């Protein structure tokens, strides 16, 4: 994409959201567990959230998976807002009243 095309997309308020009929694997209220993997290179899944359980709060829709999109493979999939209890991420010393919300692609 050229610099001019990017500028036009930003100016128009464009979105990378895809209009696809792919059904989501998860729904609001579902308990999920992120993968505990360690790929070479960049990943959108923070190390502290790998292998941790959370609850899906919302499905944002379908977007290109940035980790593969950077290598020319779009791989569109659902992106979910997932709530992780602070104690799930950082142990019993964390407040039982705190949570962290992460936007996660279906593959992670």
N, C-alpha and C. Protein backbone atom coordinates (compact mmCIF):
# COMPACT_ATOMS: atom_id res chain seq x y z
N UNK A 1 0.85 -1.17 0.00
CA UNK A 1 0.00 0.00 0.00
C UNK A 1 0.90 1.24 0.00
N UNK A 2 0.56 2.20 -0.81
CA UNK A 2 1.37 3.42 -0.91
C UNK A 2 1.06 4.37 0.24
N UNK A 3 1.95 5.31 0.46
CA UNK A 3 1.74 6.32 1.49
C UNK A 3 0.46 7.11 1.24
N UNK A 4 0.20 7.43 -0.01
CA UNK A 4 -1.02 8.17 -0.36
C UNK A 4 -2.27 7.34 -0.06
N UNK A 5 -2.21 6.04 -0.33
CA UNK A 5 -3.35 5.17 -0.05
C UNK A 5 -3.61 5.06 1.45
N UNK A 6 -2.54 4.99 2.23
CA UNK A 6 -2.69 4.94 3.68
C UNK A 6 -3.30 6.23 4.19
N UNK A 7 -2.81 7.37 3.69
CA UNK A 7 -3.35 8.67 4.11
C UNK A 7 -4.83 8.78 3.76
N UNK A 8 -5.23 8.31 2.59
CA UNK A 8 -6.63 8.35 2.19
C UNK A 8 -7.49 7.45 3.07
N UNK A 9 -6.96 6.28 3.42
CA UNK A 9 -7.69 5.35 4.29
C UNK A 9 -7.90 5.96 5.67
N UNK A 10 -6.87 6.58 6.22
CA UNK A 10 -6.99 7.21 7.54
C UNK A 10 -7.98 8.37 7.48
N UNK A 11 -7.88 9.19 6.43
CA UNK A 11 -8.77 10.35 6.30
C UNK A 11 -10.23 9.94 6.17
N UNK A 12 -10.48 8.79 5.56
CA UNK A 12 -11.87 8.34 5.37
C UNK A 12 -12.42 7.61 6.58
N UNK A 13 -11.55 7.38 7.59
CA UNK A 13 -12.00 6.63 8.76
C UNK A 13 -12.13 5.15 8.47
N UNK A 14 -11.41 4.69 7.46
CA UNK A 14 -11.49 3.30 7.02
C UNK A 14 -11.14 2.32 8.12
N UNK A 15 -11.64 1.13 7.98
CA UNK A 15 -11.41 0.07 8.96
C UNK A 15 -10.93 -1.18 8.24
N UNK A 16 -10.14 -1.97 8.92
CA UNK A 16 -9.68 -3.24 8.36
C UNK A 16 -10.70 -4.36 8.59
N UNK A 17 -11.81 -4.04 9.25
CA UNK A 17 -12.83 -5.04 9.55
C UNK A 17 -13.37 -5.65 8.27
N UNK A 18 -13.51 -6.98 8.28
CA UNK A 18 -13.99 -7.73 7.14
C UNK A 18 -15.46 -8.10 7.33
N UNK A 19 -16.19 -8.05 6.25
CA UNK A 19 -17.59 -8.48 6.29
C UNK A 19 -17.62 -9.91 5.76
N UNK A 20 -17.57 -10.86 6.66
CA UNK A 20 -17.52 -12.27 6.28
C UNK A 20 -18.57 -13.03 7.06
N UNK A 21 -19.01 -14.13 6.52
CA UNK A 21 -20.01 -14.94 7.18
C UNK A 21 -19.44 -15.98 8.12
N UNK A 22 -18.13 -15.94 8.37
CA UNK A 22 -17.51 -16.94 9.24
C UNK A 22 -18.08 -16.84 10.65
N UNK A 23 -18.57 -17.96 11.16
CA UNK A 23 -19.15 -17.98 12.50
C UNK A 23 -18.05 -17.93 13.55
N UNK A 24 -18.28 -17.20 14.63
CA UNK A 24 -17.27 -17.15 15.70
C UNK A 24 -17.21 -18.48 16.45
N UNK A 25 -16.00 -18.80 16.94
CA UNK A 25 -15.84 -20.00 17.78
C UNK A 25 -16.31 -19.73 19.20
N UNK A 26 -16.25 -18.46 19.62
CA UNK A 26 -16.55 -18.09 21.00
C UNK A 26 -17.60 -17.00 21.05
N UNK A 27 -18.28 -16.92 22.19
CA UNK A 27 -19.33 -15.91 22.41
C UNK A 27 -19.15 -15.29 23.78
N UNK A 28 -19.77 -14.13 23.97
CA UNK A 28 -19.70 -13.45 25.26
C UNK A 28 -20.10 -14.41 26.37
N UNK A 29 -19.28 -14.44 27.42
CA UNK A 29 -19.52 -15.33 28.56
C UNK A 29 -18.75 -16.63 28.51
N UNK A 30 -18.21 -16.98 27.34
CA UNK A 30 -17.43 -18.22 27.23
C UNK A 30 -16.10 -18.09 27.97
N UNK A 31 -15.72 -19.15 28.71
CA UNK A 31 -14.39 -19.21 29.31
C UNK A 31 -13.44 -19.75 28.25
N UNK A 32 -12.31 -19.08 28.11
CA UNK A 32 -11.31 -19.47 27.12
C UNK A 32 -9.94 -19.52 27.77
N UNK A 33 -9.02 -20.21 27.12
CA UNK A 33 -7.63 -20.25 27.60
C UNK A 33 -6.73 -19.93 26.41
N UNK A 34 -5.84 -18.96 26.59
CA UNK A 34 -4.92 -18.60 25.52
C UNK A 34 -3.88 -19.71 25.35
N UNK A 35 -3.29 -19.75 24.17
CA UNK A 35 -2.25 -20.74 23.90
C UNK A 35 -0.99 -20.40 24.70
N UNK A 36 -0.27 -21.42 25.09
CA UNK A 36 1.01 -21.23 25.78
C UNK A 36 2.11 -21.64 24.81
N UNK A 37 2.30 -20.79 23.80
CA UNK A 37 3.33 -21.09 22.81
C UNK A 37 4.35 -19.96 22.77
N UNK A 38 5.47 -20.23 22.16
CA UNK A 38 6.56 -19.26 22.11
C UNK A 38 7.10 -19.21 20.68
N UNK A 39 6.34 -18.55 19.78
CA UNK A 39 6.75 -18.51 18.38
C UNK A 39 8.00 -17.64 18.19
N UNK A 40 8.71 -17.92 17.11
CA UNK A 40 9.85 -17.07 16.75
C UNK A 40 9.30 -15.75 16.23
N UNK A 41 9.89 -14.65 16.61
CA UNK A 41 9.44 -13.35 16.15
C UNK A 41 8.31 -12.80 17.00
N UNK A 42 7.63 -11.82 16.43
CA UNK A 42 6.60 -11.08 17.14
C UNK A 42 5.29 -11.87 17.26
N UNK A 43 4.58 -11.67 18.36
CA UNK A 43 3.23 -12.20 18.52
C UNK A 43 2.39 -11.17 19.24
N UNK A 44 1.10 -11.19 19.01
CA UNK A 44 0.18 -10.24 19.64
C UNK A 44 -0.22 -10.68 21.05
N UNK A 45 0.16 -11.88 21.45
CA UNK A 45 -0.21 -12.40 22.76
C UNK A 45 0.90 -12.08 23.77
N UNK A 46 0.62 -11.23 24.75
CA UNK A 46 1.65 -10.92 25.75
C UNK A 46 2.09 -12.18 26.51
N UNK A 47 3.37 -12.25 26.82
CA UNK A 47 3.92 -13.42 27.50
C UNK A 47 3.19 -13.70 28.83
N UNK A 48 2.83 -12.65 29.56
CA UNK A 48 2.19 -12.85 30.87
C UNK A 48 0.78 -13.42 30.75
N UNK A 49 0.19 -13.42 29.54
CA UNK A 49 -1.17 -13.94 29.37
C UNK A 49 -1.18 -15.31 28.69
N UNK A 50 -0.02 -15.87 28.39
CA UNK A 50 0.02 -17.17 27.71
C UNK A 50 -0.38 -18.30 28.64
N UNK A 51 -1.28 -19.13 28.14
CA UNK A 51 -1.76 -20.27 28.91
C UNK A 51 -2.73 -19.90 30.02
N UNK A 52 -3.23 -18.67 30.01
CA UNK A 52 -4.10 -18.19 31.09
C UNK A 52 -5.56 -18.24 30.66
N UNK A 53 -6.44 -18.41 31.65
CA UNK A 53 -7.88 -18.48 31.40
C UNK A 53 -8.52 -17.12 31.56
N UNK A 54 -9.48 -16.83 30.70
CA UNK A 54 -10.22 -15.58 30.77
C UNK A 54 -11.64 -15.80 30.30
N UNK A 55 -12.40 -14.71 30.22
CA UNK A 55 -13.80 -14.77 29.81
C UNK A 55 -14.00 -13.81 28.64
N UNK A 56 -14.63 -14.30 27.58
CA UNK A 56 -14.93 -13.45 26.42
C UNK A 56 -16.00 -12.44 26.83
N UNK A 57 -15.70 -11.17 26.60
CA UNK A 57 -16.66 -10.10 26.90
C UNK A 57 -17.42 -9.67 25.65
N UNK A 58 -16.72 -9.72 24.48
CA UNK A 58 -17.32 -9.21 23.25
C UNK A 58 -16.57 -9.74 22.04
N UNK A 59 -17.29 -9.91 20.95
CA UNK A 59 -16.69 -10.26 19.66
C UNK A 59 -16.66 -8.97 18.84
N UNK A 60 -15.47 -8.50 18.48
CA UNK A 60 -15.34 -7.26 17.70
C UNK A 60 -15.62 -7.47 16.22
N UNK A 61 -15.67 -8.71 15.76
CA UNK A 61 -15.84 -9.00 14.34
C UNK A 61 -14.56 -9.59 13.76
N UNK A 62 -14.48 -9.62 12.44
CA UNK A 62 -13.39 -10.28 11.75
C UNK A 62 -12.40 -9.25 11.20
N UNK A 63 -11.12 -9.50 11.47
CA UNK A 63 -10.03 -8.61 11.04
C UNK A 63 -8.87 -9.46 10.55
N UNK A 64 -8.01 -8.89 9.68
CA UNK A 64 -6.80 -9.62 9.29
C UNK A 64 -5.94 -9.89 10.52
N UNK A 65 -5.39 -11.09 10.61
CA UNK A 65 -4.50 -11.45 11.72
C UNK A 65 -3.15 -10.80 11.45
N UNK A 66 -2.81 -9.80 12.23
CA UNK A 66 -1.62 -8.99 11.94
C UNK A 66 -0.33 -9.80 11.92
N UNK A 67 -0.21 -10.83 12.74
CA UNK A 67 1.03 -11.61 12.77
C UNK A 67 1.32 -12.26 11.42
N UNK A 68 0.28 -12.75 10.73
CA UNK A 68 0.49 -13.36 9.42
C UNK A 68 0.34 -12.32 8.30
N UNK A 69 -0.45 -11.28 8.53
CA UNK A 69 -0.63 -10.23 7.54
C UNK A 69 0.70 -9.53 7.22
N UNK A 70 1.57 -9.43 8.21
CA UNK A 70 2.88 -8.81 8.01
C UNK A 70 3.74 -9.61 7.03
N UNK A 71 3.37 -10.88 6.80
CA UNK A 71 4.12 -11.75 5.89
C UNK A 71 3.32 -12.02 4.61
N UNK A 72 2.34 -11.16 4.33
CA UNK A 72 1.57 -11.26 3.09
C UNK A 72 0.43 -12.25 3.11
N UNK A 73 0.10 -12.80 4.27
CA UNK A 73 -1.01 -13.76 4.40
C UNK A 73 -2.05 -13.14 5.33
N UNK A 74 -3.19 -12.77 4.80
CA UNK A 74 -4.18 -12.01 5.56
C UNK A 74 -4.77 -12.79 6.74
N UNK A 75 -5.18 -14.03 6.54
CA UNK A 75 -5.71 -14.90 7.60
C UNK A 75 -6.75 -14.20 8.47
N UNK A 76 -7.87 -13.72 7.89
CA UNK A 76 -8.88 -13.01 8.69
C UNK A 76 -9.53 -13.92 9.72
N UNK A 77 -9.78 -13.37 10.89
CA UNK A 77 -10.42 -14.13 11.98
C UNK A 77 -11.05 -13.19 13.00
N UNK A 78 -11.89 -13.76 13.83
CA UNK A 78 -12.58 -12.97 14.86
C UNK A 78 -11.57 -12.46 15.89
N UNK A 79 -11.85 -11.26 16.38
CA UNK A 79 -11.08 -10.65 17.47
C UNK A 79 -12.03 -10.49 18.64
N UNK A 80 -11.60 -10.96 19.80
CA UNK A 80 -12.43 -10.95 21.00
C UNK A 80 -11.83 -10.08 22.09
N UNK A 81 -12.68 -9.40 22.82
CA UNK A 81 -12.25 -8.72 24.04
C UNK A 81 -12.35 -9.76 25.14
N UNK A 82 -11.21 -10.08 25.77
CA UNK A 82 -11.17 -11.12 26.80
C UNK A 82 -10.74 -10.49 28.12
N UNK A 83 -11.49 -10.81 29.17
CA UNK A 83 -11.18 -10.31 30.52
C UNK A 83 -10.43 -11.38 31.29
N UNK A 84 -9.26 -10.99 31.82
CA UNK A 84 -8.46 -11.86 32.66
C UNK A 84 -8.45 -11.30 34.08
N UNK A 85 -8.75 -12.13 35.05
CA UNK A 85 -8.63 -11.70 36.45
C UNK A 85 -7.16 -11.47 36.75
N UNK A 86 -6.87 -10.41 37.51
CA UNK A 86 -5.49 -10.09 37.86
C UNK A 86 -4.81 -11.28 38.54
N UNK A 87 -5.53 -11.99 39.37
CA UNK A 87 -4.94 -13.14 40.08
C UNK A 87 -4.60 -14.28 39.13
N UNK A 88 -5.34 -14.40 38.05
CA UNK A 88 -5.02 -15.42 37.05
C UNK A 88 -3.68 -15.10 36.38
N UNK A 89 -3.43 -13.82 36.18
CA UNK A 89 -2.20 -13.41 35.49
C UNK A 89 -1.00 -13.31 36.42
N UNK A 90 -1.21 -12.79 37.65
CA UNK A 90 -0.08 -12.45 38.51
C UNK A 90 -0.10 -13.12 39.88
N UNK A 91 -1.03 -14.03 40.10
CA UNK A 91 -1.04 -14.80 41.34
C UNK A 91 -1.84 -14.17 42.47
N UNK A 92 -1.79 -14.83 43.61
CA UNK A 92 -2.62 -14.48 44.76
C UNK A 92 -2.29 -13.12 45.38
N UNK A 93 -1.12 -12.57 45.09
CA UNK A 93 -0.77 -11.25 45.64
C UNK A 93 -1.51 -10.12 44.91
N UNK A 94 -2.05 -10.41 43.74
CA UNK A 94 -2.80 -9.40 42.98
C UNK A 94 -4.18 -9.21 43.61
N UNK A 95 -4.75 -8.05 43.40
CA UNK A 95 -6.08 -7.75 43.93
C UNK A 95 -7.14 -8.65 43.28
N UNK A 96 -8.06 -9.15 44.07
CA UNK A 96 -9.15 -9.95 43.52
C UNK A 96 -10.23 -9.08 42.88
N UNK A 97 -10.05 -7.77 42.93
CA UNK A 97 -11.02 -6.83 42.35
C UNK A 97 -10.57 -6.33 40.97
N UNK A 98 -9.33 -6.63 40.58
CA UNK A 98 -8.79 -6.10 39.33
C UNK A 98 -8.83 -7.12 38.21
N UNK A 99 -8.97 -6.59 37.00
CA UNK A 99 -8.97 -7.40 35.78
C UNK A 99 -8.20 -6.66 34.70
N UNK A 100 -7.75 -7.41 33.70
CA UNK A 100 -7.10 -6.84 32.54
C UNK A 100 -7.87 -7.31 31.32
N UNK A 101 -8.11 -6.40 30.39
CA UNK A 101 -8.83 -6.72 29.17
C UNK A 101 -7.85 -6.71 27.99
N UNK A 102 -7.87 -7.77 27.19
CA UNK A 102 -7.01 -7.87 26.01
C UNK A 102 -7.87 -8.19 24.78
N UNK A 103 -7.55 -7.55 23.66
CA UNK A 103 -8.16 -7.92 22.39
C UNK A 103 -7.29 -9.03 21.79
N UNK A 104 -7.89 -10.20 21.59
CA UNK A 104 -7.14 -11.36 21.12
C UNK A 104 -7.80 -11.97 19.88
N UNK A 105 -6.97 -12.35 18.92
CA UNK A 105 -7.46 -13.04 17.74
C UNK A 105 -7.82 -14.47 18.11
N UNK A 106 -8.71 -15.07 17.30
CA UNK A 106 -9.21 -16.42 17.55
C UNK A 106 -8.07 -17.45 17.64
N UNK A 107 -7.04 -17.31 16.86
CA UNK A 107 -5.93 -18.27 16.84
C UNK A 107 -5.08 -18.24 18.09
N UNK A 108 -5.17 -17.18 18.91
CA UNK A 108 -4.30 -17.12 20.08
C UNK A 108 -5.10 -17.20 21.35
